[in-house]
Amino acid sequence: MKAQAEGLLRALPGVKDVKVEMTAEVRGNQAPRQVAPDVRHIVAVSSGKGGVGKSTVAVNLACALAQTGARVGLLDCDVYGPDVPMMMGLTGAPDATPERKLIPKERHGVKTMSIGYLLDE
């Protein structure tokens, strides 16, 4: 899988160097927590460095998955520069339920939530 990913990435125009790291985390004999029982897969896009395109990758990946028919939610956890609202063309505070739960904003079939919706422009 690693070699295949590296080969596909090297074939992209403009790509000069590729480094793929794969990790696995084995859980003990604990029963899995059912935090979100309807969620089957979680994809995290992260980096220790700013300005490398995490939000761009996350938005494009979310939209591409939604186009395949997947139910997709995108949570923007960047408190210093929440770009997802701007990239998705969404503004203003999200609506809330009577129980005061925020309702995600949706665009292109992707439900989004970001601290950016709650900050002053």
PDB file of N, CA and C in Angstrom:
ATOM      1  N   MET A   1       0.827  -1.178   0.000  1.00  0.00           N
ATOM      2  CA  MET A   1       0.000   0.000   0.000  1.00  0.00           C
ATOM      3  C   MET A   1       0.881   1.255   0.000  1.00  0.00           C
ATOM      4  N   LYS A   2       1.947   1.226   0.796  1.00  0.00           N
ATOM      5  CA  LYS A   2       2.846   2.376   0.873  1.00  0.00           C
ATOM      6  C   LYS A   2       3.500   2.630  -0.478  1.00  0.00           C
ATOM      7  N   ALA A   3       4.015   1.585  -1.112  1.00  0.00           N
ATOM      8  CA  ALA A   3       4.678   1.731  -2.411  1.00  0.00           C
ATOM      9  C   ALA A   3       3.698   2.231  -3.466  1.00  0.00           C
ATOM     10  N   GLN A   4       2.472   1.742  -3.420  1.00  0.00           N
ATOM     11  CA  GLN A   4       1.463   2.178  -4.382  1.00  0.00           C
ATOM     12  C   GLN A   4       1.148   3.660  -4.195  1.00  0.00           C
ATOM     13  N   ALA A   5       0.992   4.100  -2.952  1.00  0.00           N
ATOM     14  CA  ALA A   5       0.717   5.512  -2.675  1.00  0.00           C
ATOM     15  C   ALA A   5       1.872   6.386  -3.138  1.00  0.00           C
ATOM     16  N   GLU A   6       3.101   5.957  -2.844  1.00  0.00           N
ATOM     17  CA  GLU A   6       4.269   6.735  -3.269  1.00  0.00           C
ATOM     18  C   GLU A   6       4.341   6.829  -4.789  1.00  0.00           C
ATOM     19  N   GLY A   7       4.064   5.731  -5.475  1.00  0.00           N
ATOM     20  CA  GLY A   7       4.094   5.736  -6.932  1.00  0.00           C
ATOM     21  C   GLY A   7       3.058   6.663  -7.529  1.00  0.00           C
ATOM     22  N   LEU A   8       1.856   6.642  -6.990  1.00  0.00           N
ATOM     23  CA  LEU A   8       0.793   7.520  -7.486  1.00  0.00           C
ATOM     24  C   LEU A   8       1.128   8.988  -7.242  1.00  0.00           C
ATOM     25  N   LEU A   9       1.682   9.281  -6.069  1.00  0.00           N
ATOM     26  CA  LEU A   9       2.031  10.665  -5.758  1.00  0.00           C
ATOM     27  C   LEU A   9       3.190  11.155  -6.619  1.00  0.00           C
ATOM     28  N   ARG A  10       4.194  10.299  -6.861  1.00  0.00           N
ATOM     29  CA  ARG A  10       5.336  10.688  -7.702  1.00  0.00           C
ATOM     30  C   ARG A  10       4.902  10.975  -9.136  1.00  0.00           C
ATOM     31  N   ALA A  11       3.829  10.341  -9.583  1.00  0.00           N
ATOM     32  CA  ALA A  11       3.349  10.512 -10.956  1.00  0.00           C
ATOM     33  C   ALA A  11       2.638  11.845 -11.169  1.00  0.00           C
ATOM     34  N   LEU A  12       2.306  12.549 -10.092  1.00  0.00           N
ATOM     35  CA  LEU A  12       1.622  13.839 -10.221  1.00  0.00           C
ATOM     36  C   LEU A  12       2.581  14.900 -10.743  1.00  0.00           C
ATOM     37  N   PRO A  13       2.113  15.761 -11.640  1.00  0.00           N
ATOM     38  CA  PRO A  13       2.974  16.826 -12.168  1.00  0.00           C
ATOM     39  C   PRO A  13       3.463  17.746 -11.052  1.00  0.00           C
ATOM     40  N   GLY A  14       4.725  18.081 -11.083  1.00  0.00           N
ATOM     41  CA  GLY A  14       5.301  19.015 -10.122  1.00  0.00           C
ATOM     42  C   GLY A  14       5.770  18.386  -8.822  1.00  0.00           C
ATOM     43  N   VAL A  15       5.477  17.116  -8.602  1.00  0.00           N
ATOM     44  CA  VAL A  15       5.898  16.455  -7.366  1.00  0.00           C
ATOM     45  C   VAL A  15       7.340  15.998  -7.533  1.00  0.00           C
ATOM     46  N   LYS A  16       8.204  16.471  -6.633  1.00  0.00           N
ATOM     47  CA  LYS A  16       9.626  16.149  -6.716  1.00  0.00           C
ATOM     48  C   LYS A  16      10.042  15.103  -5.694  1.00  0.00           C
ATOM     49  N   ASP A  17       9.442  15.146  -4.523  1.00  0.00           N
ATOM     50  CA  ASP A  17       9.841  14.229  -3.468  1.00  0.00           C
ATOM     51  C   ASP A  17       8.592  13.737  -2.747  1.00  0.00           C
ATOM     52  N   VAL A  18       8.588  12.485  -2.380  1.00  0.00           N
ATOM     53  CA  VAL A  18       7.445  11.890  -1.697  1.00  0.00           C
ATOM     54  C   VAL A  18       7.944  11.112  -0.492  1.00  0.00           C
ATOM     55  N   LYS A  19       7.294  11.321   0.636  1.00  0.00           N
ATOM     56  CA  LYS A  19       7.604  10.542   1.830  1.00  0.00           C
ATOM     57  C   LYS A  19       6.273  10.123   2.448  1.00  0.00           C
ATOM     58  N   VAL A  20       6.017   8.850   2.465  1.00  0.00           N
ATOM     59  CA  VAL A  20       4.784   8.319   3.032  1.00  0.00           C
ATOM     60  C   VAL A  20       5.143   7.577   4.308  1.00  0.00           C
ATOM     61  N   GLU A  21       4.488   7.928   5.392  1.00  0.00           N
ATOM     62  CA  GLU A  21       4.683   7.228   6.656  1.00  0.00           C
ATOM     63  C   GLU A  21       3.371   6.569   7.032  1.00  0.00           C
ATOM     64  N   MET A  22       3.435   5.314   7.363  1.00  0.00           N
ATOM     65  CA  MET A  22       2.236   4.590   7.765  1.00  0.00           C
ATOM     66  C   MET A  22       2.400   4.159   9.216  1.00  0.00           C
ATOM     67  N   THR A  23       1.349   4.341   9.980  1.00  0.00           N
ATOM     68  CA  THR A  23       1.372   3.923  11.374  1.00  0.00           C
ATOM     69  C   THR A  23       0.105   3.138  11.676  1.00  0.00           C
ATOM     70  N   ALA A  24       0.152   2.390  12.720  1.00  0.00           N
ATOM     71  CA  ALA A  24      -1.023   1.655  13.176  1.00  0.00           C
ATOM     72  C   ALA A  24      -1.081   1.767  14.686  1.00  0.00           C
ATOM     73  N   GLU A  25      -2.270   1.848  15.183  1.00  0.00           N
ATOM     74  CA  GLU A  25      -2.460   1.928  16.624  1.00  0.00           C
ATOM     75  C   GLU A  25      -3.345   0.764  17.043  1.00  0.00           C
ATOM     76  N   VAL A  26      -2.802  -0.111  17.846  1.00  0.00           N
ATOM     77  CA  VAL A  26      -3.549  -1.280  18.290  1.00  0.00           C
ATOM     78  C   VAL A  26      -4.184  -0.957  19.626  1.00  0.00           C
ATOM     79  N   ARG A  27      -5.471  -1.163  19.689  1.00  0.00           N
ATOM     80  CA  ARG A  27      -6.183  -0.900  20.936  1.00  0.00           C
ATOM     81  C   ARG A  27      -6.215  -2.165  21.781  1.00  0.00           C
ATOM     82  N   GLY A  28      -6.296  -1.964  23.072  1.00  0.00           N
ATOM     83  CA  GLY A  28      -6.375  -3.092  23.996  1.00  0.00           C
ATOM     84  C   GLY A  28      -7.738  -3.756  23.941  1.00  0.00           C
ATOM     85  N   ASN A  29      -8.054  -4.501  24.961  1.00  0.00           N
ATOM     86  CA  ASN A  29      -9.314  -5.237  25.016  1.00  0.00           C
ATOM     87  C   ASN A  29     -10.467  -4.393  25.535  1.00  0.00           C
ATOM     88  N   GLN A  30     -10.374  -3.092  25.373  1.00  0.00           N
ATOM     89  CA  GLN A  30     -11.442  -2.216  25.836  1.00  0.00           C
ATOM     90  C   GLN A  30     -12.605  -2.263  24.852  1.00  0.00           C
ATOM     91  N   ALA A  31     -13.796  -2.161  25.374  1.00  0.00           N
ATOM     92  CA  ALA A  31     -14.968  -2.078  24.501  1.00  0.00           C
ATOM     93  C   ALA A  31     -14.951  -0.717  23.804  1.00  0.00           C
ATOM     94  N   PRO A  32     -15.228  -0.675  22.509  1.00  0.00           N
ATOM     95  CA  PRO A  32     -15.214   0.606  21.802  1.00  0.00           C
ATOM     96  C   PRO A  32     -16.304   1.536  22.322  1.00  0.00           C
ATOM     97  N   ARG A  33     -15.955   2.809  22.425  1.00  0.00           N
ATOM     98  CA  ARG A  33     -16.932   3.805  22.868  1.00  0.00           C
ATOM     99  C   ARG A  33     -17.827   4.178  21.693  1.00  0.00           C
ATOM    100  N   GLN A  34     -19.084   4.334  21.940  1.00  0.00           N
ATOM    101  CA  GLN A  34     -20.043   4.709  20.908  1.00  0.00           C
ATOM    102  C   GLN A  34     -20.323   6.206  20.987  1.00  0.00           C
ATOM    103  N   VAL A  35     -19.298   7.021  20.710  1.00  0.00           N
ATOM    104  CA  VAL A  35     -19.462   8.471  20.761  1.00  0.00           C
ATOM    105  C   VAL A  35     -20.394   8.928  19.651  1.00  0.00           C
ATOM    106  N   ALA A  36     -20.185   8.419  18.455  1.00  0.00           N
ATOM    107  CA  ALA A  36     -21.023   8.753  17.305  1.00  0.00           C
ATOM    108  C   ALA A  36     -21.312   7.451  16.564  1.00  0.00           C
ATOM    109  N   PRO A  37     -22.331   6.722  16.987  1.00  0.00           N
ATOM    110  CA  PRO A  37     -22.569   5.393  16.432  1.00  0.00           C
ATOM    111  C   PRO A  37     -22.845   5.382  14.927  1.00  0.00           C
ATOM    112  N   ASP A  38     -23.322   6.479  14.361  1.00  0.00           N
ATOM    113  CA  ASP A  38     -23.601   6.520  12.923  1.00  0.00           C
ATOM    114  C   ASP A  38     -22.364   6.831  12.090  1.00  0.00           C
ATOM    115  N   VAL A  39     -21.249   7.163  12.741  1.00  0.00           N
ATOM    116  CA  VAL A  39     -20.015   7.496  12.019  1.00  0.00           C
ATOM    117  C   VAL A  39     -19.172   6.234  11.891  1.00  0.00           C
ATOM    118  N   ARG A  40     -18.886   5.857  10.639  1.00  0.00           N
ATOM    119  CA  ARG A  40     -18.091   4.643  10.425  1.00  0.00           C
ATOM    120  C   ARG A  40     -16.624   4.945  10.178  1.00  0.00           C
ATOM    121  N   HIS A  41     -16.327   6.067   9.557  1.00  0.00           N
ATOM    122  CA  HIS A  41     -14.943   6.380   9.206  1.00  0.00           C
ATOM    123  C   HIS A  41     -14.624   7.821   9.590  1.00  0.00           C
ATOM    124  N   ILE A  42     -13.417   8.030  10.098  1.00  0.00           N
ATOM    125  CA  ILE A  42     -12.930   9.371  10.407  1.00  0.00           C
ATOM    126  C   ILE A  42     -11.595   9.541   9.697  1.00  0.00           C
ATOM    127  N   VAL A  43     -11.462  10.629   8.950  1.00  0.00           N
ATOM    128  CA  VAL A  43     -10.212  10.952   8.269  1.00  0.00           C
ATOM    129  C   VAL A  43      -9.697  12.250   8.874  1.00  0.00           C
ATOM    130  N   ALA A  44      -8.489  12.234   9.400  1.00  0.00           N
ATOM    131  CA  ALA A  44      -7.896  13.440   9.984  1.00  0.00           C
ATOM    132  C   ALA A  44      -6.844  13.989   9.032  1.00  0.00           C
ATOM    133  N   VAL A  45      -6.898  15.295   8.800  1.00  0.00           N
ATOM    134  CA  VAL A  45      -5.878  15.975   7.999  1.00  0.00           C
ATOM    135  C   VAL A  45      -5.134  16.879   8.966  1.00  0.00           C
ATOM    136  N   SER A  46      -3.841  16.611   9.171  1.00  0.00           N
ATOM    137  CA  SER A  46      -3.106  17.377  10.170  1.00  0.00           C
ATOM    138  C   SER A  46      -1.662  17.585   9.750  1.00  0.00           C
ATOM    139  N   SER A  47      -1.025  18.522  10.427  1.00  0.00           N
ATOM    140  CA  SER A  47       0.395  18.792  10.236  1.00  0.00           C
ATOM    141  C   SER A  47       0.857  19.620  11.414  1.00  0.00           C
ATOM    142  N   GLY A  48       2.121  19.540  11.719  1.00  0.00           N
ATOM    143  CA  GLY A  48       2.684  20.355  12.783  1.00  0.00           C
ATOM    144  C   GLY A  48       3.079  21.737  12.294  1.00  0.00           C
ATOM    145  N   LYS A  49       2.888  22.001  11.030  1.00  0.00           N
ATOM    146  CA  LYS A  49       3.312  23.267  10.432  1.00  0.00           C
ATOM    147  C   LYS A  49       2.099  23.977   9.843  1.00  0.00           C
ATOM    148  N   GLY A  50       2.088  25.271   9.954  1.00  0.00           N
ATOM    149  CA  GLY A  50       1.007  26.053   9.376  1.00  0.00           C
ATOM    150  C   GLY A  50       1.262  26.396   7.920  1.00  0.00           C
ATOM    151  N   GLY A  51       0.197  26.694   7.210  1.00  0.00           N
ATOM    152  CA  GLY A  51       0.326  27.167   5.844  1.00  0.00           C
ATOM    153  C   GLY A  51       0.729  26.130   4.818  1.00  0.00           C
ATOM    154  N   VAL A  52       0.482  24.862   5.110  1.00  0.00           N
ATOM    155  CA  VAL A  52       0.889  23.813   4.173  1.00  0.00           C
ATOM    156  C   VAL A  52      -0.282  23.241   3.368  1.00  0.00           C
ATOM    157  N   GLY A  53      -1.486  23.752   3.588  1.00  0.00           N
ATOM    158  CA  GLY A  53      -2.628  23.326   2.786  1.00  0.00           C
ATOM    159  C   GLY A  53      -3.555  22.322   3.435  1.00  0.00           C
ATOM    160  N   LYS A  54      -3.537  22.250   4.766  1.00  0.00           N
ATOM    161  CA  LYS A  54      -4.400  21.287   5.455  1.00  0.00           C
ATOM    162  C   LYS A  54      -5.871  21.555   5.167  1.00  0.00           C
ATOM    163  N   SER A  55      -6.289  22.799   5.293  1.00  0.00           N
ATOM    164  CA  SER A  55      -7.692  23.135   5.051  1.00  0.00           C
ATOM    165  C   SER A  55      -8.064  22.899   3.597  1.00  0.00           C
ATOM    166  N   THR A  56      -7.175  23.237   2.679  1.00  0.00           N
ATOM    167  CA  THR A  56      -7.435  23.026   1.256  1.00  0.00           C
ATOM    168  C   THR A  56      -7.626  21.546   0.964  1.00  0.00           C
ATOM    169  N   VAL A  57      -6.750  20.713   1.498  1.00  0.00           N
ATOM    170  CA  VAL A  57      -6.865  19.263   1.305  1.00  0.00           C
ATOM    171  C   VAL A  57      -8.155  18.753   1.937  1.00  0.00           C
ATOM    172  N   ALA A  58      -8.453  19.194   3.153  1.00  0.00           N
ATOM    173  CA  ALA A  58      -9.644  18.719   3.856  1.00  0.00           C
ATOM    174  C   ALA A  58     -10.919  19.091   3.106  1.00  0.00           C
ATOM    175  N   VAL A  59     -11.016  20.332   2.632  1.00  0.00           N
ATOM    176  CA  VAL A  59     -12.208  20.784   1.902  1.00  0.00           C
ATOM    177  C   VAL A  59     -12.357  20.008   0.597  1.00  0.00           C
ATOM    178  N   ASN A  60     -11.276  19.874  -0.160  1.00  0.00           N
ATOM    179  CA  ASN A  60     -11.358  19.156  -1.433  1.00  0.00           C
ATOM    180  C   ASN A  60     -11.671  17.677  -1.234  1.00  0.00           C
ATOM    181  N   LEU A  61     -11.088  17.069  -0.224  1.00  0.00           N
ATOM    182  CA  LEU A  61     -11.369  15.668   0.073  1.00  0.00           C
ATOM    183  C   LEU A  61     -12.831  15.492   0.484  1.00  0.00           C
ATOM    184  N   ALA A  62     -13.317  16.378   1.336  1.00  0.00           N
ATOM    185  CA  ALA A  62     -14.710  16.300   1.786  1.00  0.00           C
ATOM    186  C   ALA A  62     -15.676  16.448   0.612  1.00  0.00           C
ATOM    187  N   CYS A  63     -15.426  17.416  -0.258  1.00  0.00           N
ATOM    188  CA  CYS A  63     -16.305  17.633  -1.415  1.00  0.00           C
ATOM    189  C   CYS A  63     -16.246  16.448  -2.377  1.00  0.00           C
ATOM    190  N   ALA A  64     -15.060  15.906  -2.592  1.00  0.00           N
ATOM    191  CA  ALA A  64     -14.915  14.752  -3.486  1.00  0.00           C
ATOM    192  C   ALA A  64     -15.658  13.541  -2.926  1.00  0.00           C
ATOM    193  N   LEU A  65     -15.548  13.314  -1.632  1.00  0.00           N
ATOM    194  CA  LEU A  65     -16.260  12.193  -1.019  1.00  0.00           C
ATOM    195  C   LEU A  65     -17.768  12.398  -1.106  1.00  0.00           C
ATOM    196  N   ALA A  66     -18.221  13.624  -0.890  1.00  0.00           N
ATOM    197  CA  ALA A  66     -19.653  13.917  -0.985  1.00  0.00           C
ATOM    198  C   ALA A  66     -20.165  13.661  -2.399  1.00  0.00           C
ATOM    199  N   GLN A  67     -19.349  13.957  -3.406  1.00  0.00           N
ATOM    200  CA  GLN A  67     -19.758  13.721  -4.793  1.00  0.00           C
ATOM    201  C   GLN A  67     -19.938  12.239  -5.097  1.00  0.00           C
ATOM    202  N   THR A  68     -19.295  11.374  -4.328  1.00  0.00           N
ATOM    203  CA  THR A  68     -19.459   9.930  -4.536  1.00  0.00           C
ATOM    204  C   THR A  68     -20.721   9.409  -3.857  1.00  0.00           C
ATOM    205  N   GLY A  69     -21.397  10.274  -3.113  1.00  0.00           N
ATOM    206  CA  GLY A  69     -22.602   9.874  -2.401  1.00  0.00           C
ATOM    207  C   GLY A  69     -22.394   9.639  -0.920  1.00  0.00           C
ATOM    208  N   ALA A  70     -21.169   9.797  -0.448  1.00  0.00           N
ATOM    209  CA  ALA A  70     -20.891   9.607   0.982  1.00  0.00           C
ATOM    210  C   ALA A  70     -21.512  10.741   1.792  1.00  0.00           C
ATOM    211  N   ARG A  71     -21.937  10.420   3.002  1.00  0.00           N
ATOM    212  CA  ARG A  71     -22.380  11.459   3.937  1.00  0.00           C
ATOM    213  C   ARG A  71     -21.130  11.991   4.614  1.00  0.00           C
ATOM    214  N   VAL A  72     -20.883  13.300   4.476  1.00  0.00           N
ATOM    215  CA  VAL A  72     -19.608  13.872   4.911  1.00  0.00           C
ATOM    216  C   VAL A  72     -19.836  15.048   5.851  1.00  0.00           C
ATOM    217  N   GLY A  73     -19.070  15.060   6.935  1.00  0.00           N
ATOM    218  CA  GLY A  73     -19.022  16.200   7.835  1.00  0.00           C
ATOM    219  C   GLY A  73     -17.586  16.679   7.930  1.00  0.00           C
ATOM    220  N   LEU A  74     -17.399  17.984   7.985  1.00  0.00           N
ATOM    221  CA  LEU A  74     -16.055  18.566   8.062  1.00  0.00           C
ATOM    222  C   LEU A  74     -15.992  19.473   9.281  1.00  0.00           C
ATOM    223  N   LEU A  75     -15.124  19.135  10.228  1.00  0.00           N
ATOM    224  CA  LEU A  75     -14.946  19.920  11.448  1.00  0.00           C
ATOM    225  C   LEU A  75     -13.623  20.663  11.361  1.00  0.00           C
ATOM    226  N   ASP A  76     -13.682  21.981  11.332  1.00  0.00           N
ATOM    227  CA  ASP A  76     -12.501  22.847  11.255  1.00  0.00           C
ATOM    228  C   ASP A  76     -12.091  23.197  12.680  1.00  0.00           C
ATOM    229  N   CYS A  77     -10.998  22.606  13.143  1.00  0.00           N
ATOM    230  CA  CYS A  77     -10.539  22.804  14.524  1.00  0.00           C
ATOM    231  C   CYS A  77      -9.426  23.830  14.644  1.00  0.00           C
ATOM    232  N   ASP A  78      -9.167  24.593  13.603  1.00  0.00           N
ATOM    233  CA  ASP A  78      -8.088  25.581  13.616  1.00  0.00           C
ATOM    234  C   ASP A  78      -8.593  26.875  14.253  1.00  0.00           C
ATOM    235  N   VAL A  79      -8.229  27.100  15.512  1.00  0.00           N
ATOM    236  CA  VAL A  79      -8.705  28.294  16.215  1.00  0.00           C
ATOM    237  C   VAL A  79      -7.934  29.547  15.806  1.00  0.00           C
ATOM    238  N   TYR A  80      -6.748  29.393  15.207  1.00  0.00           N
ATOM    239  CA  TYR A  80      -5.935  30.547  14.826  1.00  0.00           C
ATOM    240  C   TYR A  80      -6.228  31.039  13.416  1.00  0.00           C
ATOM    241  N   GLY A  81      -6.717  30.183  12.556  1.00  0.00           N
ATOM    242  CA  GLY A  81      -7.012  30.582  11.183  1.00  0.00           C
ATOM    243  C   GLY A  81      -8.027  29.656  10.556  1.00  0.00           C
ATOM    244  N   PRO A  82      -9.271  29.705  11.043  1.00  0.00           N
ATOM    245  CA  PRO A  82     -10.293  28.801  10.508  1.00  0.00           C
ATOM    246  C   PRO A  82     -10.699  29.215   9.090  1.00  0.00           C
ATOM    247  N   ASP A  83     -10.183  28.508   8.082  1.00  0.00           N
ATOM    248  CA  ASP A  83     -10.402  28.871   6.685  1.00  0.00           C
ATOM    249  C   ASP A  83     -11.559  28.136   6.025  1.00  0.00           C
ATOM    250  N   VAL A  84     -12.082  27.103   6.638  1.00  0.00           N
ATOM    251  CA  VAL A  84     -13.130  26.315   6.001  1.00  0.00           C
ATOM    252  C   VAL A  84     -14.356  27.157   5.646  1.00  0.00           C
ATOM    253  N   PRO A  85     -14.846  28.053   6.514  1.00  0.00           N
ATOM    254  CA  PRO A  85     -16.008  28.852   6.114  1.00  0.00           C
ATOM    255  C   PRO A  85     -15.761  29.639   4.824  1.00  0.00           C
ATOM    256  N   MET A  86     -14.603  30.268   4.707  1.00  0.00           N
ATOM    257  CA  MET A  86     -14.285  31.045   3.513  1.00  0.00           C
ATOM    258  C   MET A  86     -14.169  30.131   2.294  1.00  0.00           C
ATOM    259  N   MET A  87     -13.501  28.992   2.448  1.00  0.00           N
ATOM    260  CA  MET A  87     -13.322  28.073   1.325  1.00  0.00           C
ATOM    261  C   MET A  87     -14.639  27.474   0.852  1.00  0.00           C
ATOM    262  N   MET A  88     -15.576  27.314   1.761  1.00  0.00           N
ATOM    263  CA  MET A  88     -16.875  26.747   1.409  1.00  0.00           C
ATOM    264  C   MET A  88     -17.893  27.831   1.044  1.00  0.00           C
ATOM    265  N   GLY A  89     -17.500  29.103   1.165  1.00  0.00           N
ATOM    266  CA  GLY A  89     -18.412  30.193   0.828  1.00  0.00           C
ATOM    267  C   GLY A  89     -19.547  30.349   1.820  1.00  0.00           C
ATOM    268  N   LEU A  90     -19.270  30.105   3.086  1.00  0.00           N
ATOM    269  CA  LEU A  90     -20.286  30.175   4.133  1.00  0.00           C
ATOM    270  C   LEU A  90     -19.917  31.249   5.149  1.00  0.00           C
ATOM    271  N   THR A  91     -20.915  31.982   5.618  1.00  0.00           N
ATOM    272  CA  THR A  91     -20.676  33.036   6.606  1.00  0.00           C
ATOM    273  C   THR A  91     -21.777  33.015   7.662  1.00  0.00           C
ATOM    274  N   GLY A  92     -21.549  33.771   8.715  1.00  0.00           N
ATOM    275  CA  GLY A  92     -22.548  33.931   9.758  1.00  0.00           C
ATOM    276  C   GLY A  92     -22.569  32.778  10.737  1.00  0.00           C
ATOM    277  N   ALA A  93     -23.227  33.034  11.848  1.00  0.00           N
ATOM    278  CA  ALA A  93     -23.325  32.023  12.902  1.00  0.00           C
ATOM    279  C   ALA A  93     -24.287  30.917  12.479  1.00  0.00           C
ATOM    280  N   PRO A  94     -24.013  29.691  12.889  1.00  0.00           N
ATOM    281  CA  PRO A  94     -24.936  28.598  12.563  1.00  0.00           C
ATOM    282  C   PRO A  94     -26.215  28.710  13.383  1.00  0.00           C
ATOM    283  N   ASP A  95     -27.289  28.149  12.865  1.00  0.00           N
ATOM    284  CA  ASP A  95     -28.533  28.084  13.621  1.00  0.00           C
ATOM    285  C   ASP A  95     -28.363  27.083  14.757  1.00  0.00           C
ATOM    286  N   ALA A  96     -29.285  27.144  15.715  1.00  0.00           N
ATOM    287  CA  ALA A  96     -29.237  26.227  16.853  1.00  0.00           C
ATOM    288  C   ALA A  96     -30.608  25.607  17.068  1.00  0.00           C
ATOM    289  N   THR A  97     -30.603  24.423  17.662  1.00  0.00           N
ATOM    290  CA  THR A  97     -31.848  23.745  18.007  1.00  0.00           C
ATOM    291  C   THR A  97     -32.402  24.366  19.287  1.00  0.00           C
ATOM    292  N   PRO A  98     -33.648  24.054  19.648  1.00  0.00           N
ATOM    293  CA  PRO A  98     -34.181  24.540  20.928  1.00  0.00           C
ATOM    294  C   PRO A  98     -33.343  24.078  22.127  1.00  0.00           C
ATOM    295  N   GLU A  99     -32.608  22.966  21.946  1.00  0.00           N
ATOM    296  CA  GLU A  99     -31.742  22.463  23.021  1.00  0.00           C
ATOM    297  C   GLU A  99     -30.377  23.141  23.001  1.00  0.00           C
ATOM    298  N   ARG A 100     -30.221  24.164  22.166  1.00  0.00           N
ATOM    299  CA  ARG A 100     -29.001  24.969  22.031  1.00  0.00           C
ATOM    300  C   ARG A 100     -27.836  24.179  21.430  1.00  0.00           C
ATOM    301  N   LYS A 101     -28.142  23.222  20.575  1.00  0.00           N
ATOM    302  CA  LYS A 101     -27.110  22.494  19.831  1.00  0.00           C
ATOM    303  C   LYS A 101     -26.950  23.167  18.476  1.00  0.00           C
ATOM    304  N   LEU A 102     -25.701  23.420  18.086  1.00  0.00           N
ATOM    305  CA  LEU A 102     -25.450  24.077  16.810  1.00  0.00           C
ATOM    306  C   LEU A 102     -25.769  23.141  15.648  1.00  0.00           C
ATOM    307  N   ILE A 103     -26.367  23.710  14.611  1.00  0.00           N
ATOM    308  CA  ILE A 103     -26.702  22.953  13.407  1.00  0.00           C
ATOM    309  C   ILE A 103     -25.629  23.237  12.362  1.00  0.00           C
ATOM    310  N   PRO A 104     -24.955  22.210  11.876  1.00  0.00           N
ATOM    311  CA  PRO A 104     -23.884  22.434  10.892  1.00  0.00           C
ATOM    312  C   PRO A 104     -24.403  23.138   9.640  1.00  0.00           C
ATOM    313  N   LYS A 105     -23.562  24.003   9.081  1.00  0.00           N
ATOM    314  CA  LYS A 105     -23.876  24.641   7.802  1.00  0.00           C
ATOM    315  C   LYS A 105     -23.480  23.670   6.698  1.00  0.00           C
ATOM    316  N   GLU A 106     -24.241  23.677   5.599  1.00  0.00           N
ATOM    317  CA  GLU A 106     -23.990  22.708   4.533  1.00  0.00           C
ATOM    318  C   GLU A 106     -23.774  23.400   3.196  1.00  0.00           C
ATOM    319  N   ARG A 107     -22.786  22.901   2.457  1.00  0.00           N
ATOM    320  CA  ARG A 107     -22.512  23.370   1.095  1.00  0.00           C
ATOM    321  C   ARG A 107     -21.892  22.217   0.327  1.00  0.00           C
ATOM    322  N   HIS A 108     -22.290  22.046  -0.907  1.00  0.00           N
ATOM    323  CA  HIS A 108     -21.751  20.991  -1.784  1.00  0.00           C
ATOM    324  C   HIS A 108     -21.926  19.594  -1.180  1.00  0.00           C
ATOM    325  N   GLY A 109     -22.985  19.417  -0.385  1.00  0.00           N
ATOM    326  CA  GLY A 109     -23.233  18.109   0.211  1.00  0.00           C
ATOM    327  C   GLY A 109     -22.378  17.796   1.424  1.00  0.00           C
ATOM    328  N   VAL A 110     -21.660  18.804   1.933  1.00  0.00           N
ATOM    329  CA  VAL A 110     -20.772  18.619   3.084  1.00  0.00           C
ATOM    330  C   VAL A 110     -21.301  19.445   4.253  1.00  0.00           C
ATOM    331  N   LYS A 111     -21.568  18.801   5.365  1.00  0.00           N
ATOM    332  CA  LYS A 111     -21.962  19.517   6.579  1.00  0.00           C
ATOM    333  C   LYS A 111     -20.692  19.995   7.260  1.00  0.00           C
ATOM    334  N   THR A 112     -20.649  21.279   7.599  1.00  0.00           N
ATOM    335  CA  THR A 112     -19.433  21.851   8.178  1.00  0.00           C
ATOM    336  C   THR A 112     -19.711  22.520   9.518  1.00  0.00           C
ATOM    337  N   MET A 113     -18.684  22.515  10.362  1.00  0.00           N
ATOM    338  CA  MET A 113     -18.723  23.251  11.618  1.00  0.00           C
ATOM    339  C   MET A 113     -17.333  23.828  11.832  1.00  0.00           C
ATOM    340  N   SER A 114     -17.298  25.099  12.229  1.00  0.00           N
ATOM    341  CA  SER A 114     -16.022  25.783  12.421  1.00  0.00           C
ATOM    342  C   SER A 114     -16.173  26.887  13.453  1.00  0.00           C
ATOM    343  N   ILE A 115     -15.115  27.116  14.211  1.00  0.00           N
ATOM    344  CA  ILE A 115     -15.094  28.255  15.129  1.00  0.00           C
ATOM    345  C   ILE A 115     -15.187  29.556  14.338  1.00  0.00           C
ATOM    346  N   GLY A 116     -14.797  29.498  13.064  1.00  0.00           N
ATOM    347  CA  GLY A 116     -14.863  30.674  12.199  1.00  0.00           C
ATOM    348  C   GLY A 116     -16.269  31.221  12.046  1.00  0.00           C
ATOM    349  N   TYR A 117     -17.282  30.381  12.192  1.00  0.00           N
ATOM    350  CA  TYR A 117     -18.665  30.852  12.101  1.00  0.00           C
ATOM    351  C   TYR A 117     -19.039  31.722  13.294  1.00  0.00           C
ATOM    352  N   LEU A 118     -18.322  31.569  14.383  1.00  0.00           N
ATOM    353  CA  LEU A 118     -18.677  32.269  15.616  1.00  0.00           C
ATOM    354  C   LEU A 118     -17.814  33.496  15.879  1.00  0.00           C
ATOM    355  N   LEU A 119     -16.768  33.696  15.080  1.00  0.00           N
ATOM    356  CA  LEU A 119     -15.871  34.833  15.263  1.00  0.00           C
ATOM    357  C   LEU A 119     -16.351  36.035  14.464  1.00  0.00           C
ATOM    358  N   ASP A 120     -16.033  37.231  14.956  1.00  0.00           N
ATOM    359  CA  ASP A 120     -16.330  38.440  14.196  1.00  0.00           C
ATOM    360  C   ASP A 120     -15.430  38.478  12.978  1.00  0.00           C
ATOM    361  N   GLU A 121     -15.980  38.976  11.886  1.00  0.00           N
ATOM    362  CA  GLU A 121     -15.213  39.055  10.621  1.00  0.00           C
ATOM    363  C   GLU A 121     -14.023  39.959  10.777  1.00  0.00           C
TER     364      GLU A 121
END
